[in-house]
Amino acid sequence: MKAPPARVSSNIGRAFKGKGANAMTHARAALVSGLVLAAALASCGITGPDVEADGTVRFVDVEGGCWGIETDDVMYEPINLPESFKTDGLQVDFEAEERDLGSFCMIGVIVELTEIERVD
């Protein structure tokens, strides 16, 4: 004698009742894909809002030399300061995104510059 089919008791089960195992498998795959995408976006390193400031480029003689941008209250350590801006004392306006990264220099908040220009 064949056992009766299992009774579906959850709302999710009711939504897929009569639609076959493939529909449920596709829904699970979509859910897993969404969770993986969310995890990937959460771990991309962006930790805060954009920084918009003016400051002074500084060469700090630690660990073989590091470049930073000093503002009135924060020292930033850009990971992509262009060579043409590596002049100690240069006044700049810049925009940057904070990055959750480690550094040998450890002289300030690590940022990735999105814009930078000289101030005359």
PDB file of N, CA and C in Angstrom:
ATOM      1  N   MET A   1       0.838  -1.169   0.000  1.00  0.00           N
ATOM      2  CA  MET A   1       0.000   0.000   0.000  1.00  0.00           C
ATOM      3  C   MET A   1       0.890   1.242   0.000  1.00  0.00           C
ATOM      4  N   LYS A   2       0.532   2.220  -0.787  1.00  0.00           N
ATOM      5  CA  LYS A   2       1.297   3.443  -0.944  1.00  0.00           C
ATOM      6  C   LYS A   2       0.910   4.445   0.137  1.00  0.00           C
ATOM      7  N   ALA A   3       1.916   5.125   0.722  1.00  0.00           N
ATOM      8  CA  ALA A   3       1.641   6.123   1.760  1.00  0.00           C
ATOM      9  C   ALA A   3       1.062   7.369   1.113  1.00  0.00           C
ATOM     10  N   PRO A   4       0.158   8.058   1.805  1.00  0.00           N
ATOM     11  CA  PRO A   4      -0.403   9.290   1.251  1.00  0.00           C
ATOM     12  C   PRO A   4       0.685  10.357   1.148  1.00  0.00           C
ATOM     13  N   PRO A   5       0.552  11.284   0.207  1.00  0.00           N
ATOM     14  CA  PRO A   5       1.556  12.339   0.074  1.00  0.00           C
ATOM     15  C   PRO A   5       1.613  13.193   1.339  1.00  0.00           C
ATOM     16  N   ALA A   6       2.796  13.701   1.611  1.00  0.00           N
ATOM     17  CA  ALA A   6       2.981  14.545   2.791  1.00  0.00           C
ATOM     18  C   ALA A   6       2.159  15.821   2.633  1.00  0.00           C
ATOM     19  N   ARG A   7       1.604  16.269   3.758  1.00  0.00           N
ATOM     20  CA  ARG A   7       0.793  17.482   3.751  1.00  0.00           C
ATOM     21  C   ARG A   7       1.703  18.695   3.810  1.00  0.00           C
ATOM     22  N   VAL A   8       1.495  19.638   2.932  1.00  0.00           N
ATOM     23  CA  VAL A   8       2.270  20.862   2.915  1.00  0.00           C
ATOM     24  C   VAL A   8       1.661  21.809   3.937  1.00  0.00           C
ATOM     25  N   SER A   9       2.517  22.273   4.879  1.00  0.00           N
ATOM     26  CA  SER A   9       1.952  23.092   5.941  1.00  0.00           C
ATOM     27  C   SER A   9       2.491  24.519   5.975  1.00  0.00           C
ATOM     28  N   SER A  10       3.480  24.838   5.166  1.00  0.00           N
ATOM     29  CA  SER A  10       4.007  26.203   5.197  1.00  0.00           C
ATOM     30  C   SER A  10       3.431  27.017   4.050  1.00  0.00           C
ATOM     31  N   ASN A  11       3.490  28.326   4.189  1.00  0.00           N
ATOM     32  CA  ASN A  11       3.025  29.210   3.121  1.00  0.00           C
ATOM     33  C   ASN A  11       3.858  29.029   1.858  1.00  0.00           C
ATOM     34  N   ILE A  12       5.142  28.792   2.030  1.00  0.00           N
ATOM     35  CA  ILE A  12       6.007  28.577   0.876  1.00  0.00           C
ATOM     36  C   ILE A  12       5.568  27.322   0.147  1.00  0.00           C
ATOM     37  N   GLY A  13       5.316  26.287   0.882  1.00  0.00           N
ATOM     38  CA  GLY A  13       4.850  25.050   0.267  1.00  0.00           C
ATOM     39  C   GLY A  13       3.544  25.247  -0.470  1.00  0.00           C
ATOM     40  N   ARG A  14       2.611  26.013   0.099  1.00  0.00           N
ATOM     41  CA  ARG A  14       1.328  26.272  -0.566  1.00  0.00           C
ATOM     42  C   ARG A  14       1.522  27.044  -1.866  1.00  0.00           C
ATOM     43  N   ALA A  15       2.490  27.962  -1.870  1.00  0.00           N
ATOM     44  CA  ALA A  15       2.729  28.752  -3.074  1.00  0.00           C
ATOM     45  C   ALA A  15       3.188  27.881  -4.230  1.00  0.00           C
ATOM     46  N   PHE A  16       3.871  26.778  -3.917  1.00  0.00           N
ATOM     47  CA  PHE A  16       4.388  25.909  -4.970  1.00  0.00           C
ATOM     48  C   PHE A  16       3.574  24.632  -5.149  1.00  0.00           C
ATOM     49  N   LYS A  17       2.510  24.460  -4.381  1.00  0.00           N
ATOM     50  CA  LYS A  17       1.701  23.238  -4.461  1.00  0.00           C
ATOM     51  C   LYS A  17       1.160  23.074  -5.883  1.00  0.00           C
ATOM     52  N   GLY A  18       1.411  21.926  -6.441  1.00  0.00           N
ATOM     53  CA  GLY A  18       0.922  21.623  -7.776  1.00  0.00           C
ATOM     54  C   GLY A  18       1.819  22.142  -8.888  1.00  0.00           C
ATOM     55  N   LYS A  19       2.882  22.832  -8.557  1.00  0.00           N
ATOM     56  CA  LYS A  19       3.760  23.391  -9.579  1.00  0.00           C
ATOM     57  C   LYS A  19       4.971  22.496  -9.841  1.00  0.00           C
ATOM     58  N   GLY A  20       5.149  21.475  -9.044  1.00  0.00           N
ATOM     59  CA  GLY A  20       6.228  20.530  -9.276  1.00  0.00           C
ATOM     60  C   GLY A  20       7.497  20.890  -8.534  1.00  0.00           C
ATOM     61  N   ALA A  21       8.393  19.924  -8.510  1.00  0.00           N
ATOM     62  CA  ALA A  21       9.646  20.073  -7.786  1.00  0.00           C
ATOM     63  C   ALA A  21      10.558  21.103  -8.444  1.00  0.00           C
ATOM     64  N   ASN A  22      10.460  21.263  -9.761  1.00  0.00           N
ATOM     65  CA  ASN A  22      11.331  22.217 -10.446  1.00  0.00           C
ATOM     66  C   ASN A  22      11.095  23.651  -9.993  1.00  0.00           C
ATOM     67  N   ALA A  23       9.833  24.009  -9.765  1.00  0.00           N
ATOM     68  CA  ALA A  23       9.521  25.370  -9.323  1.00  0.00           C
ATOM     69  C   ALA A  23      10.148  25.647  -7.966  1.00  0.00           C
ATOM     70  N   MET A  24      10.077  24.689  -7.071  1.00  0.00           N
ATOM     71  CA  MET A  24      10.655  24.847  -5.738  1.00  0.00           C
ATOM     72  C   MET A  24      12.183  24.921  -5.839  1.00  0.00           C
ATOM     73  N   THR A  25      12.778  24.102  -6.697  1.00  0.00           N
ATOM     74  CA  THR A  25      14.223  24.114  -6.885  1.00  0.00           C
ATOM     75  C   THR A  25      14.682  25.459  -7.440  1.00  0.00           C
ATOM     76  N   HIS A  26      13.953  25.998  -8.405  1.00  0.00           N
ATOM     77  CA  HIS A  26      14.298  27.295  -8.981  1.00  0.00           C
ATOM     78  C   HIS A  26      14.163  28.407  -7.942  1.00  0.00           C
ATOM     79  N   ALA A  27      13.146  28.327  -7.114  1.00  0.00           N
ATOM     80  CA  ALA A  27      12.956  29.338  -6.072  1.00  0.00           C
ATOM     81  C   ALA A  27      14.097  29.287  -5.060  1.00  0.00           C
ATOM     82  N   ARG A  28      14.510  28.086  -4.687  1.00  0.00           N
ATOM     83  CA  ARG A  28      15.637  27.953  -3.755  1.00  0.00           C
ATOM     84  C   ARG A  28      16.923  28.489  -4.387  1.00  0.00           C
ATOM     85  N   ALA A  29      17.129  28.175  -5.664  1.00  0.00           N
ATOM     86  CA  ALA A  29      18.318  28.664  -6.361  1.00  0.00           C
ATOM     87  C   ALA A  29      18.322  30.195  -6.419  1.00  0.00           C
ATOM     88  N   ALA A  30      17.162  30.794  -6.658  1.00  0.00           N
ATOM     89  CA  ALA A  30      17.063  32.256  -6.697  1.00  0.00           C
ATOM     90  C   ALA A  30      17.358  32.848  -5.323  1.00  0.00           C
ATOM     91  N   LEU A  31      16.857  32.217  -4.285  1.00  0.00           N
ATOM     92  CA  LEU A  31      17.105  32.685  -2.923  1.00  0.00           C
ATOM     93  C   LEU A  31      18.589  32.600  -2.590  1.00  0.00           C
ATOM     94  N   VAL A  32      19.213  31.479  -2.900  1.00  0.00           N
ATOM     95  CA  VAL A  32      20.634  31.307  -2.630  1.00  0.00           C
ATOM     96  C   VAL A  32      21.451  32.322  -3.429  1.00  0.00           C
ATOM     97  N   SER A  33      21.098  32.535  -4.698  1.00  0.00           N
ATOM     98  CA  SER A  33      21.806  33.514  -5.526  1.00  0.00           C
ATOM     99  C   SER A  33      21.695  34.914  -4.933  1.00  0.00           C
ATOM    100  N   GLY A  34      20.501  35.258  -4.466  1.00  0.00           N
ATOM    101  CA  GLY A  34      20.298  36.567  -3.846  1.00  0.00           C
ATOM    102  C   GLY A  34      21.124  36.733  -2.588  1.00  0.00           C
ATOM    103  N   LEU A  35      21.204  35.692  -1.780  1.00  0.00           N
ATOM    104  CA  LEU A  35      22.002  35.762  -0.556  1.00  0.00           C
ATOM    105  C   LEU A  35      23.494  35.873  -0.871  1.00  0.00           C
ATOM    106  N   VAL A  36      23.945  35.149  -1.884  1.00  0.00           N
ATOM    107  CA  VAL A  36      25.351  35.230  -2.279  1.00  0.00           C
ATOM    108  C   VAL A  36      25.671  36.634  -2.787  1.00  0.00           C
ATOM    109  N   LEU A  37      24.789  37.212  -3.597  1.00  0.00           N
ATOM    110  CA  LEU A  37      24.995  38.568  -4.102  1.00  0.00           C
ATOM    111  C   LEU A  37      25.036  39.574  -2.955  1.00  0.00           C
ATOM    112  N   ALA A  38      24.125  39.440  -2.009  1.00  0.00           N
ATOM    113  CA  ALA A  38      24.099  40.352  -0.861  1.00  0.00           C
ATOM    114  C   ALA A  38      25.389  40.242  -0.047  1.00  0.00           C
ATOM    115  N   ALA A  39      25.871  39.027   0.145  1.00  0.00           N
ATOM    116  CA  ALA A  39      27.117  38.832   0.890  1.00  0.00           C
ATOM    117  C   ALA A  39      28.306  39.432   0.145  1.00  0.00           C
ATOM    118  N   ALA A  40      28.321  39.267  -1.175  1.00  0.00           N
ATOM    119  CA  ALA A  40      29.409  39.825  -1.974  1.00  0.00           C
ATOM    120  C   ALA A  40      29.422  41.346  -1.896  1.00  0.00           C
ATOM    121  N   LEU A  41      28.266  41.968  -1.989  1.00  0.00           N
ATOM    122  CA  LEU A  41      28.190  43.420  -1.913  1.00  0.00           C
ATOM    123  C   LEU A  41      28.580  43.928  -0.524  1.00  0.00           C
ATOM    124  N   ALA A  42      28.192  43.179   0.498  1.00  0.00           N
ATOM    125  CA  ALA A  42      28.508  43.597   1.862  1.00  0.00           C
ATOM    126  C   ALA A  42      30.001  43.502   2.158  1.00  0.00           C
ATOM    127  N   SER A  43      30.702  42.624   1.453  1.00  0.00           N
ATOM    128  CA  SER A  43      32.119  42.423   1.749  1.00  0.00           C
ATOM    129  C   SER A  43      33.049  43.147   0.784  1.00  0.00           C
ATOM    130  N   CYS A  44      32.531  44.068  -0.002  1.00  0.00           N
ATOM    131  CA  CYS A  44      33.384  44.704  -1.020  1.00  0.00           C
ATOM    132  C   CYS A  44      34.296  45.776  -0.452  1.00  0.00           C
ATOM    133  N   GLY A  45      34.191  46.083   0.813  1.00  0.00           N
ATOM    134  CA  GLY A  45      35.147  46.990   1.405  1.00  0.00           C
ATOM    135  C   GLY A  45      34.680  48.407   1.613  1.00  0.00           C
ATOM    136  N   ILE A  46      33.584  48.762   1.138  1.00  0.00           N
ATOM    137  CA  ILE A  46      33.085  50.117   1.325  1.00  0.00           C
ATOM    138  C   ILE A  46      32.521  50.228   2.722  1.00  0.00           C
ATOM    139  N   THR A  47      33.050  51.162   3.510  1.00  0.00           N
ATOM    140  CA  THR A  47      32.638  51.233   4.906  1.00  0.00           C
ATOM    141  C   THR A  47      31.921  52.509   5.297  1.00  0.00           C
ATOM    142  N   GLY A  48      31.951  53.509   4.477  1.00  0.00           N
ATOM    143  CA  GLY A  48      31.338  54.751   4.915  1.00  0.00           C
ATOM    144  C   GLY A  48      30.982  55.652   3.765  1.00  0.00           C
ATOM    145  N   PRO A  49      30.506  56.819   4.117  1.00  0.00           N
ATOM    146  CA  PRO A  49      30.114  57.786   3.083  1.00  0.00           C
ATOM    147  C   PRO A  49      31.342  58.388   2.413  1.00  0.00           C
ATOM    148  N   ASP A  50      31.093  59.046   1.318  1.00  0.00           N
ATOM    149  CA  ASP A  50      32.171  59.734   0.612  1.00  0.00           C
ATOM    150  C   ASP A  50      32.756  60.838   1.480  1.00  0.00           C
ATOM    151  N   VAL A  51      34.036  61.095   1.289  1.00  0.00           N
ATOM    152  CA  VAL A  51      34.741  62.175   1.979  1.00  0.00           C
ATOM    153  C   VAL A  51      34.947  63.295   0.974  1.00  0.00           C
ATOM    154  N   GLU A  52      34.582  64.505   1.325  1.00  0.00           N
ATOM    155  CA  GLU A  52      34.839  65.693   0.512  1.00  0.00           C
ATOM    156  C   GLU A  52      35.559  66.687   1.404  1.00  0.00           C
ATOM    157  N   ALA A  53      36.808  67.007   1.060  1.00  0.00           N
ATOM    158  CA  ALA A  53      37.584  67.877   1.948  1.00  0.00           C
ATOM    159  C   ALA A  53      38.706  68.569   1.186  1.00  0.00           C
ATOM    160  N   ASP A  54      39.292  69.538   1.862  1.00  0.00           N
ATOM    161  CA  ASP A  54      40.524  70.139   1.355  1.00  0.00           C
ATOM    162  C   ASP A  54      41.592  69.798   2.376  1.00  0.00           C
ATOM    163  N   GLY A  55      42.821  69.690   1.892  1.00  0.00           N
ATOM    164  CA  GLY A  55      43.886  69.302   2.803  1.00  0.00           C
ATOM    165  C   GLY A  55      45.250  69.549   2.206  1.00  0.00           C
ATOM    166  N   THR A  56      46.252  69.049   2.907  1.00  0.00           N
ATOM    167  CA  THR A  56      47.642  69.211   2.519  1.00  0.00           C
ATOM    168  C   THR A  56      48.279  67.840   2.367  1.00  0.00           C
ATOM    169  N   VAL A  57      48.901  67.625   1.214  1.00  0.00           N
ATOM    170  CA  VAL A  57      49.596  66.359   0.990  1.00  0.00           C
ATOM    171  C   VAL A  57      50.832  66.339   1.887  1.00  0.00           C
ATOM    172  N   ARG A  58      51.027  65.217   2.583  1.00  0.00           N
ATOM    173  CA  ARG A  58      52.155  65.074   3.504  1.00  0.00           C
ATOM    174  C   ARG A  58      52.912  63.781   3.228  1.00  0.00           C
ATOM    175  N   PHE A  59      54.245  63.876   3.246  1.00  0.00           N
ATOM    176  CA  PHE A  59      55.095  62.690   3.199  1.00  0.00           C
ATOM    177  C   PHE A  59      55.454  62.349   4.633  1.00  0.00           C
ATOM    178  N   VAL A  60      55.161  61.121   5.045  1.00  0.00           N
ATOM    179  CA  VAL A  60      55.453  60.673   6.400  1.00  0.00           C
ATOM    180  C   VAL A  60      56.536  59.603   6.302  1.00  0.00           C
ATOM    181  N   ASP A  61      57.644  59.824   6.981  1.00  0.00           N
ATOM    182  CA  ASP A  61      58.806  58.942   6.881  1.00  0.00           C
ATOM    183  C   ASP A  61      58.682  57.750   7.836  1.00  0.00           C
ATOM    184  N   VAL A  62      57.769  56.841   7.517  1.00  0.00           N
ATOM    185  CA  VAL A  62      57.632  55.575   8.244  1.00  0.00           C
ATOM    186  C   VAL A  62      57.550  54.458   7.210  1.00  0.00           C
ATOM    187  N   GLU A  63      58.054  53.289   7.578  1.00  0.00           N
ATOM    188  CA  GLU A  63      57.974  52.112   6.702  1.00  0.00           C
ATOM    189  C   GLU A  63      58.459  52.397   5.283  1.00  0.00           C
ATOM    190  N   GLY A  64      59.508  53.188   5.145  1.00  0.00           N
ATOM    191  CA  GLY A  64      60.038  53.502   3.824  1.00  0.00           C
ATOM    192  C   GLY A  64      59.394  54.707   3.175  1.00  0.00           C
ATOM    193  N   GLY A  65      58.445  55.312   3.837  1.00  0.00           N
ATOM    194  CA  GLY A  65      57.799  56.520   3.327  1.00  0.00           C
ATOM    195  C   GLY A  65      56.374  56.280   2.884  1.00  0.00           C
ATOM    196  N   CYS A  66      55.482  57.125   3.365  1.00  0.00           N
ATOM    197  CA  CYS A  66      54.064  57.008   3.044  1.00  0.00           C
ATOM    198  C   CYS A  66      53.504  58.393   2.741  1.00  0.00           C
ATOM    199  N   TRP A  67      52.519  58.431   1.866  1.00  0.00           N
ATOM    200  CA  TRP A  67      51.871  59.685   1.504  1.00  0.00           C
ATOM    201  C   TRP A  67      50.494  59.741   2.138  1.00  0.00           C
ATOM    202  N   GLY A  68      50.158  60.897   2.673  1.00  0.00           N
ATOM    203  CA  GLY A  68      48.852  61.112   3.270  1.00  0.00           C
ATOM    204  C   GLY A  68      48.319  62.480   2.882  1.00  0.00           C
ATOM    205  N   ILE A  69      47.058  62.694   3.197  1.00  0.00           N
ATOM    206  CA  ILE A  69      46.448  64.015   3.027  1.00  0.00           C
ATOM    207  C   ILE A  69      45.910  64.423   4.389  1.00  0.00           C
ATOM    208  N   GLU A  70      46.468  65.519   4.901  1.00  0.00           N
ATOM    209  CA  GLU A  70      46.106  66.010   6.225  1.00  0.00           C
ATOM    210  C   GLU A  70      45.036  67.094   6.102  1.00  0.00           C
ATOM    211  N   THR A  71      43.914  66.898   6.796  1.00  0.00           N
ATOM    212  CA  THR A  71      42.873  67.925   6.862  1.00  0.00           C
ATOM    213  C   THR A  71      42.945  68.556   8.252  1.00  0.00           C
ATOM    214  N   ASP A  72      42.000  69.437   8.557  1.00  0.00           N
ATOM    215  CA  ASP A  72      42.011  70.088   9.866  1.00  0.00           C
ATOM    216  C   ASP A  72      41.928  69.103  11.022  1.00  0.00           C
ATOM    217  N   ASP A  73      41.189  67.992  10.818  1.00  0.00           N
ATOM    218  CA  ASP A  73      40.980  67.077  11.942  1.00  0.00           C
ATOM    219  C   ASP A  73      41.278  65.610  11.651  1.00  0.00           C
ATOM    220  N   VAL A  74      41.603  65.250  10.411  1.00  0.00           N
ATOM    221  CA  VAL A  74      41.827  63.844  10.071  1.00  0.00           C
ATOM    222  C   VAL A  74      43.002  63.722   9.111  1.00  0.00           C
ATOM    223  N   MET A  75      43.776  62.669   9.280  1.00  0.00           N
ATOM    224  CA  MET A  75      44.805  62.314   8.302  1.00  0.00           C
ATOM    225  C   MET A  75      44.245  61.156   7.482  1.00  0.00           C
ATOM    226  N   TYR A  76      44.281  61.310   6.152  1.00  0.00           N
ATOM    227  CA  TYR A  76      43.809  60.265   5.248  1.00  0.00           C
ATOM    228  C   TYR A  76      45.013  59.631   4.571  1.00  0.00           C
ATOM    229  N   GLU A  77      44.926  58.343   4.343  1.00  0.00           N
ATOM    230  CA  GLU A  77      45.974  57.602   3.650  1.00  0.00           C
ATOM    231  C   GLU A  77      45.398  57.083   2.331  1.00  0.00           C
ATOM    232  N   PRO A  78      45.599  57.814   1.244  1.00  0.00           N
ATOM    233  CA  PRO A  78      45.036  57.381  -0.038  1.00  0.00           C
ATOM    234  C   PRO A  78      45.822  56.208  -0.626  1.00  0.00           C
ATOM    235  N   ILE A  79      45.075  55.246  -1.175  1.00  0.00           N
ATOM    236  CA  ILE A  79      45.723  54.082  -1.785  1.00  0.00           C
ATOM    237  C   ILE A  79      46.075  54.343  -3.246  1.00  0.00           C
ATOM    238  N   ASN A  80      45.622  55.476  -3.786  1.00  0.00           N
ATOM    239  CA  ASN A  80      45.834  55.744  -5.213  1.00  0.00           C
ATOM    240  C   ASN A  80      46.205  57.203  -5.486  1.00  0.00           C
ATOM    241  N   LEU A  81      47.061  57.770  -4.648  1.00  0.00           N
ATOM    242  CA  LEU A  81      47.495  59.151  -4.871  1.00  0.00           C
ATOM    243  C   LEU A  81      48.366  59.197  -6.130  1.00  0.00           C
ATOM    244  N   PRO A  82      47.966  59.978  -7.144  1.00  0.00           N
ATOM    245  CA  PRO A  82      48.759  60.047  -8.375  1.00  0.00           C
ATOM    246  C   PRO A  82      50.163  60.616  -8.114  1.00  0.00           C
ATOM    247  N   GLU A  83      51.130  60.139  -8.884  1.00  0.00           N
ATOM    248  CA  GLU A  83      52.515  60.597  -8.745  1.00  0.00           C
ATOM    249  C   GLU A  83      52.622  62.116  -8.839  1.00  0.00           C
ATOM    250  N   SER A  84      51.829  62.722  -9.708  1.00  0.00           N
ATOM    251  CA  SER A  84      51.914  64.174  -9.916  1.00  0.00           C
ATOM    252  C   SER A  84      51.444  64.973  -8.698  1.00  0.00           C
ATOM    253  N   PHE A  85      50.827  64.307  -7.713  1.00  0.00           N
ATOM    254  CA  PHE A  85      50.376  64.982  -6.493  1.00  0.00           C
ATOM    255  C   PHE A  85      51.271  64.661  -5.297  1.00  0.00           C
ATOM    256  N   LYS A  86      52.311  63.887  -5.502  1.00  0.00           N
ATOM    257  CA  LYS A  86      53.199  63.500  -4.405  1.00  0.00           C
ATOM    258  C   LYS A  86      54.258  64.573  -4.176  1.00  0.00           C
ATOM    259  N   THR A  87      53.785  65.695  -3.626  1.00  0.00           N
ATOM    260  CA  THR A  87      54.643  66.823  -3.271  1.00  0.00           C
ATOM    261  C   THR A  87      54.264  67.253  -1.863  1.00  0.00           C
ATOM    262  N   ASP A  88      55.187  67.095  -0.919  1.00  0.00           N
ATOM    263  CA  ASP A  88      54.906  67.453   0.466  1.00  0.00           C
ATOM    264  C   ASP A  88      54.533  68.924   0.556  1.00  0.00           C
ATOM    265  N   GLY A  89      53.396  69.227   1.198  1.00  0.00           N
ATOM    266  CA  GLY A  89      52.940  70.601   1.367  1.00  0.00           C
ATOM    267  C   GLY A  89      51.955  71.057   0.299  1.00  0.00           C
ATOM    268  N   LEU A  90      51.701  70.237  -0.705  1.00  0.00           N
ATOM    269  CA  LEU A  90      50.769  70.604  -1.785  1.00  0.00           C
ATOM    270  C   LEU A  90      49.345  70.704  -1.243  1.00  0.00           C
ATOM    271  N   GLN A  91      48.666  71.818  -1.525  1.00  0.00           N
ATOM    272  CA  GLN A  91      47.280  72.017  -1.110  1.00  0.00           C
ATOM    273  C   GLN A  91      46.352  71.394  -2.163  1.00  0.00           C
ATOM    274  N   VAL A  92      45.368  70.599  -1.695  1.00  0.00           N
ATOM    275  CA  VAL A  92      44.466  69.902  -2.615  1.00  0.00           C
ATOM    276  C   VAL A  92      43.028  69.932  -2.100  1.00  0.00           C
ATOM    277  N   ASP A  93      42.102  69.824  -3.033  1.00  0.00           N
ATOM    278  CA  ASP A  93      40.706  69.489  -2.749  1.00  0.00           C
ATOM    279  C   ASP A  93      40.536  68.068  -3.238  1.00  0.00           C
ATOM    280  N   PHE A  94      39.804  67.249  -2.487  1.00  0.00           N
ATOM    281  CA  PHE A  94      39.654  65.863  -2.917  1.00  0.00           C
ATOM    282  C   PHE A  94      38.326  65.274  -2.463  1.00  0.00           C
ATOM    283  N   GLU A  95      37.944  64.225  -3.161  1.00  0.00           N
ATOM    284  CA  GLU A  95      36.808  63.390  -2.783  1.00  0.00           C
ATOM    285  C   GLU A  95      37.325  61.969  -2.722  1.00  0.00           C
ATOM    286  N   ALA A  96      36.811  61.201  -1.776  1.00  0.00           N
ATOM    287  CA  ALA A  96      37.306  59.840  -1.609  1.00  0.00           C
ATOM    288  C   ALA A  96      36.244  58.968  -0.963  1.00  0.00           C
ATOM    289  N   GLU A  97      36.446  57.673  -1.099  1.00  0.00           N
ATOM    290  CA  GLU A  97      35.605  56.688  -0.426  1.00  0.00           C
ATOM    291  C   GLU A  97      36.476  55.944   0.573  1.00  0.00           C
ATOM    292  N   GLU A  98      35.973  55.805   1.784  1.00  0.00           N
ATOM    293  CA  GLU A  98      36.711  55.072   2.805  1.00  0.00           C
ATOM    294  C   GLU A  98      36.752  53.601   2.414  1.00  0.00           C
ATOM    295  N   ARG A  99      37.875  52.961   2.687  1.00  0.00           N
ATOM    296  CA  ARG A  99      38.068  51.538   2.403  1.00  0.00           C
ATOM    297  C   ARG A  99      38.462  50.816   3.676  1.00  0.00           C
ATOM    298  N   ASP A 100      37.927  49.633   3.833  1.00  0.00           N
ATOM    299  CA  ASP A 100      38.223  48.798   4.999  1.00  0.00           C
ATOM    300  C   ASP A 100      39.400  47.887   4.648  1.00  0.00           C
ATOM    301  N   LEU A 101      40.603  48.466   4.679  1.00  0.00           N
ATOM    302  CA  LEU A 101      41.813  47.754   4.302  1.00  0.00           C
ATOM    303  C   LEU A 101      42.881  47.952   5.364  1.00  0.00           C
ATOM    304  N   GLY A 102      43.877  47.090   5.342  1.00  0.00           N
ATOM    305  CA  GLY A 102      45.013  47.240   6.224  1.00  0.00           C
ATOM    306  C   GLY A 102      46.107  48.034   5.530  1.00  0.00           C
ATOM    307  N   SER A 103      47.106  48.467   6.314  1.00  0.00           N
ATOM    308  CA  SER A 103      48.182  49.287   5.768  1.00  0.00           C
ATOM    309  C   SER A 103      49.449  49.073   6.578  1.00  0.00           C
ATOM    310  N   PHE A 104      50.604  49.101   5.895  1.00  0.00           N
ATOM    311  CA  PHE A 104      51.881  49.068   6.599  1.00  0.00           C
ATOM    312  C   PHE A 104      52.118  50.390   7.310  1.00  0.00           C
ATOM    313  N   CYS A 105      51.684  51.483   6.698  1.00  0.00           N
ATOM    314  CA  CYS A 105      51.954  52.818   7.238  1.00  0.00           C
ATOM    315  C   CYS A 105      51.125  53.132   8.472  1.00  0.00           C
ATOM    316  N   MET A 106      49.857  52.834   8.421  1.00  0.00           N
ATOM    317  CA  MET A 106      48.936  53.105   9.525  1.00  0.00           C
ATOM    318  C   MET A 106      49.001  54.558   9.982  1.00  0.00           C
ATOM    319  N   ILE A 107      48.956  55.482   9.002  1.00  0.00           N
ATOM    320  CA  ILE A 107      49.048  56.904   9.352  1.00  0.00           C
ATOM    321  C   ILE A 107      47.699  57.605   9.332  1.00  0.00           C
ATOM    322  N   GLY A 108      46.661  56.927   8.858  1.00  0.00           N
ATOM    323  CA  GLY A 108      45.367  57.583   8.800  1.00  0.00           C
ATOM    324  C   GLY A 108      44.273  56.676   8.266  1.00  0.00           C
ATOM    325  N   VAL A 109      43.147  57.288   8.005  1.00  0.00           N
ATOM    326  CA  VAL A 109      41.988  56.577   7.456  1.00  0.00           C
ATOM    327  C   VAL A 109      42.291  56.224   6.008  1.00  0.00           C
ATOM    328  N   ILE A 110      42.180  54.958   5.662  1.00  0.00           N
ATOM    329  CA  ILE A 110      42.488  54.521   4.307  1.00  0.00           C
ATOM    330  C   ILE A 110      41.330  54.883   3.387  1.00  0.00           C
ATOM    331  N   VAL A 111      41.678  55.564   2.281  1.00  0.00           N
ATOM    332  CA  VAL A 111      40.666  55.995   1.318  1.00  0.00           C
ATOM    333  C   VAL A 111      41.134  55.716  -0.105  1.00  0.00           C
ATOM    334  N   GLU A 112      40.158  55.641  -0.990  1.00  0.00           N
ATOM    335  CA  GLU A 112      40.419  55.584  -2.423  1.00  0.00           C
ATOM    336  C   GLU A 112      39.934  56.896  -3.011  1.00  0.00           C
ATOM    337  N   LEU A 113      40.847  57.654  -3.598  1.00  0.00           N
ATOM    338  CA  LEU A 113      40.494  58.949  -4.171  1.00  0.00           C
ATOM    339  C   LEU A 113      39.612  58.756  -5.397  1.00  0.00           C
ATOM    340  N   THR A 114      38.548  59.537  -5.470  1.00  0.00           N
ATOM    341  CA  THR A 114      37.697  59.538  -6.665  1.00  0.00           C
ATOM    342  C   THR A 114      37.921  60.806  -7.472  1.00  0.00           C
ATOM    343  N   GLU A 115      38.367  61.874  -6.798  1.00  0.00           N
ATOM    344  CA  GLU A 115      38.727  63.142  -7.458  1.00  0.00           C
ATOM    345  C   GLU A 115      39.780  63.838  -6.608  1.00  0.00           C
ATOM    346  N   ILE A 116      40.693  64.523  -7.299  1.00  0.00           N
ATOM    347  CA  ILE A 116      41.674  65.335  -6.579  1.00  0.00           C
ATOM    348  C   ILE A 116      42.127  66.448  -7.521  1.00  0.00           C
ATOM    349  N   GLU A 117      42.292  67.635  -6.952  1.00  0.00           N
ATOM    350  CA  GLU A 117      42.795  68.764  -7.759  1.00  0.00           C
ATOM    351  C   GLU A 117      43.630  69.678  -6.873  1.00  0.00           C
ATOM    352  N   ARG A 118      44.578  70.341  -7.501  1.00  0.00           N
ATOM    353  CA  ARG A 118      45.435  71.306  -6.812  1.00  0.00           C
ATOM    354  C   ARG A 118      44.640  72.562  -6.456  1.00  0.00           C
ATOM    355  N   VAL A 119      44.998  73.144  -5.320  1.00  0.00           N
ATOM    356  CA  VAL A 119      44.406  74.420  -4.918  1.00  0.00           C
ATOM    357  C   VAL A 119      45.480  75.480  -5.078  1.00  0.00           C
ATOM    358  N   ASP A 120      45.166  76.527  -5.816  1.00  0.00           N
ATOM    359  CA  ASP A 120      46.143  77.602  -6.047  1.00  0.00           C
ATOM    360  C   ASP A 120      46.144  78.626  -4.949  1.00  0.00           C
TER     361      ASP A 120
END
